[in-house]
PDB file of N, CA and C in Angstrom:
ATOM      1  N   MET A   1      10.805  24.489 -66.341  1.00  0.00           N
ATOM      2  CA  MET A   1      11.279  23.123 -66.307  1.00  0.00           C
ATOM      3  C   MET A   1      12.804  23.097 -66.250  1.00  0.00           C
ATOM      4  N   LYS A   2      13.463  23.960 -66.985  1.00  0.00           N
ATOM      5  CA  LYS A   2      14.919  24.007 -66.977  1.00  0.00           C
ATOM      6  C   LYS A   2      15.432  24.383 -65.588  1.00  0.00           C
ATOM      7  N   ARG A   3      14.732  25.282 -64.944  1.00  0.00           N
ATOM      8  CA  ARG A   3      15.129  25.739 -63.614  1.00  0.00           C
ATOM      9  C   ARG A   3      15.081  24.572 -62.607  1.00  0.00           C
ATOM     10  N   THR A   4      14.036  23.750 -62.649  1.00  0.00           N
ATOM     11  CA  THR A   4      13.895  22.606 -61.756  1.00  0.00           C
ATOM     12  C   THR A   4      14.993  21.588 -62.024  1.00  0.00           C
ATOM     13  N   ALA A   5      15.262  21.308 -63.275  1.00  0.00           N
ATOM     14  CA  ALA A   5      16.305  20.349 -63.642  1.00  0.00           C
ATOM     15  C   ALA A   5      17.670  20.847 -63.161  1.00  0.00           C
ATOM     16  N   LEU A   6      17.916  22.147 -63.291  1.00  0.00           N
ATOM     17  CA  LEU A   6      19.174  22.727 -62.848  1.00  0.00           C
ATOM     18  C   LEU A   6      19.308  22.610 -61.325  1.00  0.00           C
ATOM     19  N   LEU A   7      18.236  22.845 -60.616  1.00  0.00           N
ATOM     20  CA  LEU A   7      18.254  22.741 -59.161  1.00  0.00           C
ATOM     21  C   LEU A   7      18.542  21.308 -58.718  1.00  0.00           C
ATOM     22  N   VAL A   8      17.922  20.340 -59.366  1.00  0.00           N
ATOM     23  CA  VAL A   8      18.173  18.937 -59.042  1.00  0.00           C
ATOM     24  C   VAL A   8      19.621  18.588 -59.368  1.00  0.00           C
ATOM     25  N   LEU A   9      20.115  19.032 -60.500  1.00  0.00           N
ATOM     26  CA  LEU A   9      21.496  18.758 -60.904  1.00  0.00           C
ATOM     27  C   LEU A   9      22.482  19.344 -59.896  1.00  0.00           C
ATOM     28  N   ILE A  10      22.228  20.552 -59.425  1.00  0.00           N
ATOM     29  CA  ILE A  10      23.119  21.184 -58.450  1.00  0.00           C
ATOM     30  C   ILE A  10      23.104  20.415 -57.130  1.00  0.00           C
ATOM     31  N   THR A  11      21.930  20.033 -56.666  1.00  0.00           N
ATOM     32  CA  THR A  11      21.838  19.304 -55.389  1.00  0.00           C
ATOM     33  C   THR A  11      22.526  17.955 -55.494  1.00  0.00           C
ATOM     34  N   VAL A  12      22.359  17.265 -56.596  1.00  0.00           N
ATOM     35  CA  VAL A  12      23.007  15.963 -56.774  1.00  0.00           C
ATOM     36  C   VAL A  12      24.519  16.153 -56.874  1.00  0.00           C
ATOM     37  N   ALA A  13      24.945  17.183 -57.577  1.00  0.00           N
ATOM     38  CA  ALA A  13      26.378  17.434 -57.739  1.00  0.00           C
ATOM     39  C   ALA A  13      27.029  17.781 -56.409  1.00  0.00           C
ATOM     40  N   CYS A  14      26.303  18.397 -55.520  1.00  0.00           N
ATOM     41  CA  CYS A  14      26.851  18.757 -54.200  1.00  0.00           C
ATOM     42  C   CYS A  14      26.776  17.597 -53.217  1.00  0.00           C
ATOM     43  N   GLY A  15      26.296  16.453 -53.666  1.00  0.00           N
ATOM     44  CA  GLY A  15      26.234  15.290 -52.799  1.00  0.00           C
ATOM     45  C   GLY A  15      25.034  15.285 -51.869  1.00  0.00           C
ATOM     46  N   GLN A  16      24.043  16.081 -52.147  1.00  0.00           N
ATOM     47  CA  GLN A  16      22.855  16.131 -51.311  1.00  0.00           C
ATOM     48  C   GLN A  16      21.687  15.504 -52.033  1.00  0.00           C
ATOM     49  N   GLN A  17      20.814  14.941 -51.278  1.00  0.00           N
ATOM     50  CA  GLN A  17      19.593  14.393 -51.836  1.00  0.00           C
ATOM     51  C   GLN A  17      18.566  15.507 -51.927  1.00  0.00           C
ATOM     52  N   PRO A  18      17.772  15.539 -52.977  1.00  0.00           N
ATOM     53  CA  PRO A  18      16.712  16.541 -53.026  1.00  0.00           C
ATOM     54  C   PRO A  18      15.754  16.330 -51.848  1.00  0.00           C
ATOM     55  N   ARG A  19      15.288  17.423 -51.300  1.00  0.00           N
ATOM     56  CA  ARG A  19      14.360  17.346 -50.173  1.00  0.00           C
ATOM     57  C   ARG A  19      13.023  16.794 -50.620  1.00  0.00           C
ATOM     58  N   GLU A  20      12.518  15.888 -49.806  1.00  0.00           N
ATOM     59  CA  GLU A  20      11.175  15.392 -50.054  1.00  0.00           C
ATOM     60  C   GLU A  20      10.240  16.146 -49.143  1.00  0.00           C
ATOM     61  N   GLN A  21       9.049  16.314 -49.588  1.00  0.00           N
ATOM     62  CA  GLN A  21       8.073  17.018 -48.794  1.00  0.00           C
ATOM     63  C   GLN A  21       7.755  16.201 -47.542  1.00  0.00           C
ATOM     64  N   ALA A  22       7.824  16.853 -46.389  1.00  0.00           N
ATOM     65  CA  ALA A  22       7.544  16.169 -45.128  1.00  0.00           C
ATOM     66  C   ALA A  22       6.066  15.828 -45.053  1.00  0.00           C
ATOM     67  N   THR A  23       5.793  14.658 -44.551  1.00  0.00           N
ATOM     68  CA  THR A  23       4.404  14.265 -44.357  1.00  0.00           C
ATOM     69  C   THR A  23       4.152  14.083 -42.879  1.00  0.00           C
ATOM     70  N   ALA A  24       3.007  14.505 -42.444  1.00  0.00           N
ATOM     71  CA  ALA A  24       2.639  14.357 -41.038  1.00  0.00           C
ATOM     72  C   ALA A  24       2.192  12.925 -40.790  1.00  0.00           C
ATOM     73  N   SER A  25       2.707  12.358 -39.731  1.00  0.00           N
ATOM     74  CA  SER A  25       2.267  11.022 -39.359  1.00  0.00           C
ATOM     75  C   SER A  25       2.111  10.979 -37.849  1.00  0.00           C
ATOM     76  N   ALA A  26       1.253  10.126 -37.399  1.00  0.00           N
ATOM     77  CA  ALA A  26       1.014   9.987 -35.970  1.00  0.00           C
ATOM     78  C   ALA A  26       2.235   9.336 -35.331  1.00  0.00           C
ATOM     79  N   PRO A  27       2.600   9.782 -34.131  1.00  0.00           N
ATOM     80  CA  PRO A  27       3.730   9.138 -33.461  1.00  0.00           C
ATOM     81  C   PRO A  27       3.381   7.690 -33.144  1.00  0.00           C
ATOM     82  N   PRO A  28       4.392   6.838 -33.128  1.00  0.00           N
ATOM     83  CA  PRO A  28       4.096   5.430 -32.842  1.00  0.00           C
ATOM     84  C   PRO A  28       3.539   5.292 -31.425  1.00  0.00           C
ATOM     85  N   ALA A  29       2.567   4.423 -31.273  1.00  0.00           N
ATOM     86  CA  ALA A  29       1.973   4.182 -29.963  1.00  0.00           C
ATOM     87  C   ALA A  29       2.979   3.453 -29.080  1.00  0.00           C
ATOM     88  N   ASP A  30       3.037   3.835 -27.832  1.00  0.00           N
ATOM     89  CA  ASP A  30       3.929   3.189 -26.881  1.00  0.00           C
ATOM     90  C   ASP A  30       3.315   1.846 -26.499  1.00  0.00           C
ATOM     91  N   PRO A  31       3.971   0.742 -26.812  1.00  0.00           N
ATOM     92  CA  PRO A  31       3.388  -0.568 -26.512  1.00  0.00           C
ATOM     93  C   PRO A  31       3.159  -0.785 -25.018  1.00  0.00           C
ATOM     94  N   ARG A  32       3.962  -0.147 -24.176  1.00  0.00           N
ATOM     95  CA  ARG A  32       3.766  -0.301 -22.729  1.00  0.00           C
ATOM     96  C   ARG A  32       2.433   0.288 -22.284  1.00  0.00           C
ATOM     97  N   LEU A  33       2.027   1.392 -22.911  1.00  0.00           N
ATOM     98  CA  LEU A  33       0.739   1.990 -22.556  1.00  0.00           C
ATOM     99  C   LEU A  33      -0.396   1.076 -22.981  1.00  0.00           C
ATOM    100  N   GLU A  34      -0.261   0.459 -24.137  1.00  0.00           N
ATOM    101  CA  GLU A  34      -1.282  -0.493 -24.585  1.00  0.00           C
ATOM    102  C   GLU A  34      -1.324  -1.704 -23.662  1.00  0.00           C
ATOM    103  N   GLN A  35      -0.165  -2.155 -23.198  1.00  0.00           N
ATOM    104  CA  GLN A  35      -0.119  -3.271 -22.250  1.00  0.00           C
ATOM    105  C   GLN A  35      -0.818  -2.888 -20.952  1.00  0.00           C
ATOM    106  N   GLY A  36      -0.613  -1.652 -20.513  1.00  0.00           N
ATOM    107  CA  GLY A  36      -1.268  -1.170 -19.304  1.00  0.00           C
ATOM    108  C   GLY A  36      -2.772  -1.139 -19.451  1.00  0.00           C
ATOM    109  N   LYS A  37      -3.251  -0.628 -20.584  1.00  0.00           N
ATOM    110  CA  LYS A  37      -4.695  -0.594 -20.830  1.00  0.00           C
ATOM    111  C   LYS A  37      -5.280  -2.002 -20.868  1.00  0.00           C
ATOM    112  N   THR A  38      -4.564  -2.911 -21.513  1.00  0.00           N
ATOM    113  CA  THR A  38      -5.024  -4.294 -21.598  1.00  0.00           C
ATOM    114  C   THR A  38      -5.111  -4.918 -20.206  1.00  0.00           C
ATOM    115  N   ALA A  39      -4.091  -4.697 -19.381  1.00  0.00           N
ATOM    116  CA  ALA A  39      -4.087  -5.261 -18.030  1.00  0.00           C
ATOM    117  C   ALA A  39      -5.195  -4.651 -17.172  1.00  0.00           C
ATOM    118  N   ILE A  40      -5.470  -3.371 -17.350  1.00  0.00           N
ATOM    119  CA  ILE A  40      -6.550  -2.714 -16.601  1.00  0.00           C
ATOM    120  C   ILE A  40      -7.875  -3.404 -16.878  1.00  0.00           C
ATOM    121  N   VAL A  41      -8.138  -3.681 -18.145  1.00  0.00           N
ATOM    122  CA  VAL A  41      -9.387  -4.357 -18.515  1.00  0.00           C
ATOM    123  C   VAL A  41      -9.356  -5.816 -18.061  1.00  0.00           C
ATOM    124  N   GLN A  42      -8.229  -6.487 -18.251  1.00  0.00           N
ATOM    125  CA  GLN A  42      -8.093  -7.897 -17.875  1.00  0.00           C
ATOM    126  C   GLN A  42      -8.379  -8.109 -16.391  1.00  0.00           C
ATOM    127  N   TYR A  43      -7.876  -7.219 -15.557  1.00  0.00           N
ATOM    128  CA  TYR A  43      -8.072  -7.368 -14.114  1.00  0.00           C
ATOM    129  C   TYR A  43      -9.330  -6.661 -13.608  1.00  0.00           C
ATOM    130  N   GLY A  44     -10.067  -6.026 -14.489  1.00  0.00           N
ATOM    131  CA  GLY A  44     -11.335  -5.422 -14.106  1.00  0.00           C
ATOM    132  C   GLY A  44     -11.210  -4.163 -13.266  1.00  0.00           C
ATOM    133  N   CYS A  45     -10.105  -3.463 -13.389  1.00  0.00           N
ATOM    134  CA  CYS A  45      -9.935  -2.220 -12.628  1.00  0.00           C
ATOM    135  C   CYS A  45     -11.063  -1.229 -12.948  1.00  0.00           C
ATOM    136  N   ASN A  46     -11.518  -1.274 -14.193  1.00  0.00           N
ATOM    137  CA  ASN A  46     -12.579  -0.365 -14.638  1.00  0.00           C
ATOM    138  C   ASN A  46     -13.957  -0.774 -14.108  1.00  0.00           C
ATOM    139  N   VAL A  47     -14.054  -1.871 -13.420  1.00  0.00           N
ATOM    140  CA  VAL A  47     -15.320  -2.253 -12.804  1.00  0.00           C
ATOM    141  C   VAL A  47     -15.566  -1.372 -11.576  1.00  0.00           C
ATOM    142  N   CYS A  48     -14.503  -1.029 -10.866  1.00  0.00           N
ATOM    143  CA  CYS A  48     -14.631  -0.203  -9.660  1.00  0.00           C
ATOM    144  C   CYS A  48     -14.265   1.261  -9.889  1.00  0.00           C
ATOM    145  N   HIS A  49     -13.403   1.526 -10.864  1.00  0.00           N
ATOM    146  CA  HIS A  49     -12.878   2.882 -11.070  1.00  0.00           C
ATOM    147  C   HIS A  49     -13.269   3.435 -12.440  1.00  0.00           C
ATOM    148  N   VAL A  50     -13.501   4.739 -12.491  1.00  0.00           N
ATOM    149  CA  VAL A  50     -13.587   5.452 -13.766  1.00  0.00           C
ATOM    150  C   VAL A  50     -12.143   5.728 -14.162  1.00  0.00           C
ATOM    151  N   ILE A  51     -11.772   5.284 -15.368  1.00  0.00           N
ATOM    152  CA  ILE A  51     -10.401   5.439 -15.847  1.00  0.00           C
ATOM    153  C   ILE A  51     -10.459   6.023 -17.256  1.00  0.00           C
ATOM    154  N   PRO A  52     -10.029   7.265 -17.439  1.00  0.00           N
ATOM    155  CA  PRO A  52     -10.054   7.858 -18.776  1.00  0.00           C
ATOM    156  C   PRO A  52      -9.344   6.976 -19.797  1.00  0.00           C
ATOM    157  N   GLY A  53      -9.983   6.819 -20.954  1.00  0.00           N
ATOM    158  CA  GLY A  53      -9.419   6.010 -22.026  1.00  0.00           C
ATOM    159  C   GLY A  53      -9.810   4.549 -21.958  1.00  0.00           C
ATOM    160  N   ILE A  54     -10.532   4.157 -20.907  1.00  0.00           N
ATOM    161  CA  ILE A  54     -10.959   2.771 -20.726  1.00  0.00           C
ATOM    162  C   ILE A  54     -12.479   2.772 -20.635  1.00  0.00           C
ATOM    163  N   GLN A  55     -13.118   1.919 -21.407  1.00  0.00           N
ATOM    164  CA  GLN A  55     -14.582   1.854 -21.375  1.00  0.00           C
ATOM    165  C   GLN A  55     -15.067   1.295 -20.053  1.00  0.00           C
ATOM    166  N   GLY A  56     -16.278   1.675 -19.719  1.00  0.00           N
ATOM    167  CA  GLY A  56     -16.865   1.228 -18.458  1.00  0.00           C
ATOM    168  C   GLY A  56     -16.425   2.160 -17.356  1.00  0.00           C
ATOM    169  N   GLY A  57     -16.693   1.792 -16.187  1.00  0.00           N
ATOM    170  CA  GLY A  57     -16.255   2.613 -15.061  1.00  0.00           C
ATOM    171  C   GLY A  57     -17.248   2.558 -13.936  1.00  0.00           C
ATOM    172  N   GLY A  58     -16.825   1.999 -12.853  1.00  0.00           N
ATOM    173  CA  GLY A  58     -17.680   1.876 -11.690  1.00  0.00           C
ATOM    174  C   GLY A  58     -17.514   3.046 -10.747  1.00  0.00           C
ATOM    175  N   THR A  59     -18.303   3.022  -9.713  1.00  0.00           N
ATOM    176  CA  THR A  59     -18.256   4.088  -8.721  1.00  0.00           C
ATOM    177  C   THR A  59     -17.876   3.571  -7.343  1.00  0.00           C
ATOM    178  N   LEU A  60     -17.511   2.303  -7.262  1.00  0.00           N
ATOM    179  CA  LEU A  60     -17.122   1.736  -5.976  1.00  0.00           C
ATOM    180  C   LEU A  60     -15.816   2.356  -5.482  1.00  0.00           C
ATOM    181  N   GLY A  61     -14.850   2.498  -6.390  1.00  0.00           N
ATOM    182  CA  GLY A  61     -13.574   3.119  -6.042  1.00  0.00           C
ATOM    183  C   GLY A  61     -13.526   4.534  -6.595  1.00  0.00           C
ATOM    184  N   PRO A  62     -12.520   5.298  -6.201  1.00  0.00           N
ATOM    185  CA  PRO A  62     -12.416   6.682  -6.690  1.00  0.00           C
ATOM    186  C   PRO A  62     -12.088   6.728  -8.180  1.00  0.00           C
ATOM    187  N   THR A  63     -12.462   7.821  -8.821  1.00  0.00           N
ATOM    188  CA  THR A  63     -12.070   8.023 -10.215  1.00  0.00           C
ATOM    189  C   THR A  63     -10.549   8.147 -10.278  1.00  0.00           C
ATOM    190  N   LEU A  64      -9.981   7.649 -11.347  1.00  0.00           N
ATOM    191  CA  LEU A  64      -8.540   7.740 -11.525  1.00  0.00           C
ATOM    192  C   LEU A  64      -8.162   8.849 -12.503  1.00  0.00           C
ATOM    193  N   ALA A  65      -9.152   9.637 -12.914  1.00  0.00           N
ATOM    194  CA  ALA A  65      -8.878  10.804 -13.761  1.00  0.00           C
ATOM    195  C   ALA A  65      -7.945  11.750 -13.002  1.00  0.00           C
ATOM    196  N   GLY A  66      -6.898  12.193 -13.652  1.00  0.00           N
ATOM    197  CA  GLY A  66      -5.963  13.122 -13.042  1.00  0.00           C
ATOM    198  C   GLY A  66      -5.039  12.499 -11.999  1.00  0.00           C
ATOM    199  N   LEU A  67      -4.981  11.184 -11.954  1.00  0.00           N
ATOM    200  CA  LEU A  67      -4.182  10.511 -10.926  1.00  0.00           C
ATOM    201  C   LEU A  67      -2.729  10.971 -10.923  1.00  0.00           C
ATOM    202  N   ALA A  68      -2.137  11.153 -12.083  1.00  0.00           N
ATOM    203  CA  ALA A  68      -0.718  11.514 -12.151  1.00  0.00           C
ATOM    204  C   ALA A  68      -0.434  12.887 -11.547  1.00  0.00           C
ATOM    205  N   SER A  69      -1.441  13.723 -11.452  1.00  0.00           N
ATOM    206  CA  SER A  69      -1.257  15.068 -10.897  1.00  0.00           C
ATOM    207  C   SER A  69      -1.502  15.132  -9.392  1.00  0.00           C
ATOM    208  N   ARG A  70      -1.964  14.059  -8.820  1.00  0.00           N
ATOM    209  CA  ARG A  70      -2.255  14.051  -7.379  1.00  0.00           C
ATOM    210  C   ARG A  70      -0.971  13.845  -6.576  1.00  0.00           C
ATOM    211  N   PRO A  71      -0.852  14.525  -5.440  1.00  0.00           N
ATOM    212  CA  PRO A  71       0.351  14.349  -4.627  1.00  0.00           C
ATOM    213  C   PRO A  71       0.370  13.018  -3.879  1.00  0.00           C
ATOM    214  N   THR A  72      -0.825  12.447  -3.631  1.00  0.00           N
ATOM    215  CA  THR A  72      -0.891  11.196  -2.881  1.00  0.00           C
ATOM    216  C   THR A  72      -1.864  10.227  -3.548  1.00  0.00           C
ATOM    217  N   ILE A  73      -1.767   8.967  -3.139  1.00  0.00           N
ATOM    218  CA  ILE A  73      -2.707   7.934  -3.585  1.00  0.00           C
ATOM    219  C   ILE A  73      -3.333   7.308  -2.347  1.00  0.00           C
ATOM    220  N   SER A  74      -4.371   6.573  -2.537  1.00  0.00           N
ATOM    221  CA  SER A  74      -5.034   5.829  -1.464  1.00  0.00           C
ATOM    222  C   SER A  74      -5.463   6.722  -0.309  1.00  0.00           C
ATOM    223  N   GLU A  75      -6.426   7.576  -0.605  1.00  0.00           N
ATOM    224  CA  GLU A  75      -7.001   8.471   0.404  1.00  0.00           C
ATOM    225  C   GLU A  75      -5.939   9.308   1.110  1.00  0.00           C
ATOM    226  N   GLY A  76      -4.896   9.684   0.391  1.00  0.00           N
ATOM    227  CA  GLY A  76      -3.873  10.564   0.941  1.00  0.00           C
ATOM    228  C   GLY A  76      -2.855   9.891   1.834  1.00  0.00           C
ATOM    229  N   ALA A  77      -2.879   8.576   1.922  1.00  0.00           N
ATOM    230  CA  ALA A  77      -1.988   7.872   2.839  1.00  0.00           C
ATOM    231  C   ALA A  77      -0.577   7.663   2.290  1.00  0.00           C
ATOM    232  N   VAL A  78      -0.408   7.725   0.969  1.00  0.00           N
ATOM    233  CA  VAL A  78       0.863   7.343   0.353  1.00  0.00           C
ATOM    234  C   VAL A  78       1.254   8.380  -0.701  1.00  0.00           C
ATOM    235  N   GLN A  79       2.536   8.766  -0.697  1.00  0.00           N
ATOM    236  CA  GLN A  79       3.039   9.692  -1.706  1.00  0.00           C
ATOM    237  C   GLN A  79       2.880   9.075  -3.096  1.00  0.00           C
ATOM    238  N   ASN A  80       2.440   9.870  -4.053  1.00  0.00           N
ATOM    239  CA  ASN A  80       2.198   9.391  -5.412  1.00  0.00           C
ATOM    240  C   ASN A  80       3.495   9.387  -6.218  1.00  0.00           C
ATOM    241  N   THR A  81       4.143   8.242  -6.245  1.00  0.00           N
ATOM    242  CA  THR A  81       5.314   8.010  -7.096  1.00  0.00           C
ATOM    243  C   THR A  81       5.033   6.748  -7.906  1.00  0.00           C
ATOM    244  N   PRO A  82       5.695   6.565  -9.040  1.00  0.00           N
ATOM    245  CA  PRO A  82       5.478   5.339  -9.811  1.00  0.00           C
ATOM    246  C   PRO A  82       5.749   4.070  -8.993  1.00  0.00           C
ATOM    247  N   ALA A  83       6.795   4.066  -8.187  1.00  0.00           N
ATOM    248  CA  ALA A  83       7.112   2.873  -7.388  1.00  0.00           C
ATOM    249  C   ALA A  83       6.014   2.599  -6.355  1.00  0.00           C
ATOM    250  N   ASN A  84       5.547   3.642  -5.687  1.00  0.00           N
ATOM    251  CA  ASN A  84       4.489   3.459  -4.693  1.00  0.00           C
ATOM    252  C   ASN A  84       3.183   3.015  -5.339  1.00  0.00           C
ATOM    253  N   LEU A  85       2.867   3.601  -6.490  1.00  0.00           N
ATOM    254  CA  LEU A  85       1.630   3.232  -7.171  1.00  0.00           C
ATOM    255  C   LEU A  85       1.682   1.771  -7.623  1.00  0.00           C
ATOM    256  N   ALA A  86       2.815   1.355  -8.170  1.00  0.00           N
ATOM    257  CA  ALA A  86       2.960  -0.041  -8.611  1.00  0.00           C
ATOM    258  C   ALA A  86       2.800  -0.997  -7.432  1.00  0.00           C
ATOM    259  N   GLN A  87       3.391  -0.645  -6.289  1.00  0.00           N
ATOM    260  CA  GLN A  87       3.262  -1.498  -5.111  1.00  0.00           C
ATOM    261  C   GLN A  87       1.814  -1.497  -4.611  1.00  0.00           C
ATOM    262  N   PHE A  88       1.190  -0.330  -4.603  1.00  0.00           N
ATOM    263  CA  PHE A  88      -0.194  -0.242  -4.142  1.00  0.00           C
ATOM    264  C   PHE A  88      -1.119  -1.080  -5.021  1.00  0.00           C
ATOM    265  N   ILE A  89      -0.887  -1.059  -6.325  1.00  0.00           N
ATOM    266  CA  ILE A  89      -1.712  -1.840  -7.253  1.00  0.00           C
ATOM    267  C   ILE A  89      -1.602  -3.333  -6.928  1.00  0.00           C
ATOM    268  N   GLN A  90      -0.403  -3.773  -6.581  1.00  0.00           N
ATOM    269  CA  GLN A  90      -0.200  -5.197  -6.283  1.00  0.00           C
ATOM    270  C   GLN A  90      -0.685  -5.587  -4.886  1.00  0.00           C
ATOM    271  N   GLU A  91      -0.354  -4.794  -3.905  1.00  0.00           N
ATOM    272  CA  GLU A  91      -0.675  -5.111  -2.514  1.00  0.00           C
ATOM    273  C   GLU A  91      -1.193  -3.858  -1.808  1.00  0.00           C
ATOM    274  N   PRO A  92      -2.446  -3.506  -2.038  1.00  0.00           N
ATOM    275  CA  PRO A  92      -2.970  -2.263  -1.466  1.00  0.00           C
ATOM    276  C   PRO A  92      -2.798  -2.151   0.052  1.00  0.00           C
ATOM    277  N   ALA A  93      -3.028  -3.232   0.784  1.00  0.00           N
ATOM    278  CA  ALA A  93      -2.943  -3.185   2.247  1.00  0.00           C
ATOM    279  C   ALA A  93      -1.528  -2.913   2.742  1.00  0.00           C
ATOM    280  N   SER A  94      -0.518  -3.220   1.921  1.00  0.00           N
ATOM    281  CA  SER A  94       0.863  -2.965   2.334  1.00  0.00           C
ATOM    282  C   SER A  94       1.159  -1.469   2.372  1.00  0.00           C
ATOM    283  N   MET A  95       0.400  -0.709   1.619  1.00  0.00           N
ATOM    284  CA  MET A  95       0.598   0.736   1.563  1.00  0.00           C
ATOM    285  C   MET A  95      -0.430   1.479   2.422  1.00  0.00           C
ATOM    286  N   ASN A  96      -1.617   0.894   2.546  1.00  0.00           N
ATOM    287  CA  ASN A  96      -2.681   1.495   3.339  1.00  0.00           C
ATOM    288  C   ASN A  96      -3.571   0.379   3.884  1.00  0.00           C
ATOM    289  N   PRO A  97      -3.378   0.003   5.152  1.00  0.00           N
ATOM    290  CA  PRO A  97      -4.157  -1.101   5.734  1.00  0.00           C
ATOM    291  C   PRO A  97      -5.673  -0.866   5.704  1.00  0.00           C
ATOM    292  N   GLN A  98      -6.116   0.375   5.619  1.00  0.00           N
ATOM    293  CA  GLN A  98      -7.548   0.666   5.580  1.00  0.00           C
ATOM    294  C   GLN A  98      -8.134   0.652   4.164  1.00  0.00           C
ATOM    295  N   SER A  99      -7.312   0.390   3.174  1.00  0.00           N
ATOM    296  CA  SER A  99      -7.800   0.396   1.795  1.00  0.00           C
ATOM    297  C   SER A  99      -8.816  -0.723   1.574  1.00  0.00           C
ATOM    298  N   SER A 100      -9.878  -0.399   0.855  1.00  0.00           N
ATOM    299  CA  SER A 100     -10.873  -1.423   0.534  1.00  0.00           C
ATOM    300  C   SER A 100     -10.542  -2.144  -0.773  1.00  0.00           C
ATOM    301  N   MET A 101      -9.461  -1.745  -1.420  1.00  0.00           N
ATOM    302  CA  MET A 101      -9.062  -2.387  -2.674  1.00  0.00           C
ATOM    303  C   MET A 101      -8.424  -3.740  -2.362  1.00  0.00           C
ATOM    304  N   PRO A 102      -8.932  -4.811  -2.966  1.00  0.00           N
ATOM    305  CA  PRO A 102      -8.379  -6.142  -2.673  1.00  0.00           C
ATOM    306  C   PRO A 102      -7.133  -6.436  -3.507  1.00  0.00           C
ATOM    307  N   PRO A 103      -6.242  -7.295  -3.013  1.00  0.00           N
ATOM    308  CA  PRO A 103      -5.140  -7.769  -3.857  1.00  0.00           C
ATOM    309  C   PRO A 103      -5.719  -8.754  -4.871  1.00  0.00           C
ATOM    310  N   ILE A 104      -5.317  -8.613  -6.136  1.00  0.00           N
ATOM    311  CA  ILE A 104      -5.918  -9.476  -7.162  1.00  0.00           C
ATOM    312  C   ILE A 104      -4.890 -10.251  -7.982  1.00  0.00           C
ATOM    313  N   GLY A 105      -3.674 -10.361  -7.465  1.00  0.00           N
ATOM    314  CA  GLY A 105      -2.679 -11.215  -8.115  1.00  0.00           C
ATOM    315  C   GLY A 105      -2.034 -10.624  -9.352  1.00  0.00           C
ATOM    316  N   ILE A 106      -1.819  -9.344  -9.370  1.00  0.00           N
ATOM    317  CA  ILE A 106      -1.175  -8.689 -10.514  1.00  0.00           C
ATOM    318  C   ILE A 106       0.332  -8.899 -10.422  1.00  0.00           C
ATOM    319  N   THR A 107       0.951  -9.275 -11.533  1.00  0.00           N
ATOM    320  CA  THR A 107       2.401  -9.495 -11.565  1.00  0.00           C
ATOM    321  C   THR A 107       3.147  -8.163 -11.545  1.00  0.00           C
ATOM    322  N   ASP A 108       4.453  -8.223 -11.305  1.00  0.00           N
ATOM    323  CA  ASP A 108       5.284  -7.017 -11.323  1.00  0.00           C
ATOM    324  C   ASP A 108       5.188  -6.317 -12.676  1.00  0.00           C
ATOM    325  N   ALA A 109       5.320  -7.075 -13.752  1.00  0.00           N
ATOM    326  CA  ALA A 109       5.294  -6.483 -15.099  1.00  0.00           C
ATOM    327  C   ALA A 109       3.946  -5.834 -15.391  1.00  0.00           C
ATOM    328  N   GLU A 110       2.870  -6.488 -15.001  1.00  0.00           N
ATOM    329  CA  GLU A 110       1.538  -5.925 -15.239  1.00  0.00           C
ATOM    330  C   GLU A 110       1.310  -4.685 -14.385  1.00  0.00           C
ATOM    331  N   SER A 111       1.775  -4.724 -13.159  1.00  0.00           N
ATOM    332  CA  SER A 111       1.646  -3.561 -12.278  1.00  0.00           C
ATOM    333  C   SER A 111       2.412  -2.367 -12.841  1.00  0.00           C
ATOM    334  N   GLU A 112       3.595  -2.623 -13.359  1.00  0.00           N
ATOM    335  CA  GLU A 112       4.385  -1.552 -13.969  1.00  0.00           C
ATOM    336  C   GLU A 112       3.705  -1.007 -15.222  1.00  0.00           C
ATOM    337  N   ALA A 113       3.112  -1.881 -16.016  1.00  0.00           N
ATOM    338  CA  ALA A 113       2.396  -1.431 -17.219  1.00  0.00           C
ATOM    339  C   ALA A 113       1.177  -0.599 -16.841  1.00  0.00           C
ATOM    340  N   ILE A 114       0.416  -1.052 -15.853  1.00  0.00           N
ATOM    341  CA  ILE A 114      -0.760  -0.298 -15.399  1.00  0.00           C
ATOM    342  C   ILE A 114      -0.309   1.044 -14.838  1.00  0.00           C
ATOM    343  N   THR A 115       0.746   1.041 -14.033  1.00  0.00           N
ATOM    344  CA  THR A 115       1.280   2.287 -13.480  1.00  0.00           C
ATOM    345  C   THR A 115       1.675   3.236 -14.590  1.00  0.00           C
ATOM    346  N   GLY A 116       2.358   2.719 -15.607  1.00  0.00           N
ATOM    347  CA  GLY A 116       2.760   3.557 -16.740  1.00  0.00           C
ATOM    348  C   GLY A 116       1.570   4.239 -17.383  1.00  0.00           C
ATOM    349  N   TYR A 117       0.489   3.486 -17.576  1.00  0.00           N
ATOM    350  CA  TYR A 117      -0.710   4.084 -18.169  1.00  0.00           C
ATOM    351  C   TYR A 117      -1.327   5.106 -17.221  1.00  0.00           C
ATOM    352  N   LEU A 118      -1.480   4.741 -15.961  1.00  0.00           N
ATOM    353  CA  LEU A 118      -2.133   5.645 -15.013  1.00  0.00           C
ATOM    354  C   LEU A 118      -1.336   6.940 -14.825  1.00  0.00           C
ATOM    355  N   MET A 119      -0.011   6.875 -14.959  1.00  0.00           N
ATOM    356  CA  MET A 119       0.812   8.079 -14.799  1.00  0.00           C
ATOM    357  C   MET A 119       0.698   9.033 -15.992  1.00  0.00           C
ATOM    358  N   THR A 120      -0.032   8.628 -17.029  1.00  0.00           N
ATOM    359  CA  THR A 120      -0.296   9.558 -18.134  1.00  0.00           C
ATOM    360  C   THR A 120      -1.564  10.372 -17.878  1.00  0.00           C
ATOM    361  N   LEU A 121      -2.316  10.009 -16.847  1.00  0.00           N
ATOM    362  CA  LEU A 121      -3.586  10.668 -16.557  1.00  0.00           C
ATOM    363  C   LEU A 121      -3.357  11.901 -15.713  1.00  0.00           C
ATOM    364  N   LYS A 122      -3.082  13.010 -16.375  1.00  0.00           N
ATOM    365  CA  LYS A 122      -2.749  14.257 -15.661  1.00  0.00           C
ATOM    366  C   LYS A 122      -3.928  15.177 -15.532  1.00  0.00           C
TER     367      LYS A 122
END
């Protein structure tokens, strides 16, 4: 007990705070990713696509698993970059006139949020 008290006294005298035991905690969730997931469900993207982390999943459109690792989007017609993906989500025909994906009125902010989420799918 004397040894512990002496150690605390020395640390306080040196102007340092005694170390507290580190506790593990989960990193804070990125709100943009949650916004992306919410928009995916709101617009029904999961009705046509299998999307990891989102319940449901149709087979009408391609699976979006591993999308961030693909070099292209939309049947290979467009380079896979965040800007291109966001534009494709909003106006598919502008990036690939043969795309069967319809425009569904997604705003810029929602498209960016969805893109942010989809770019985590490696």
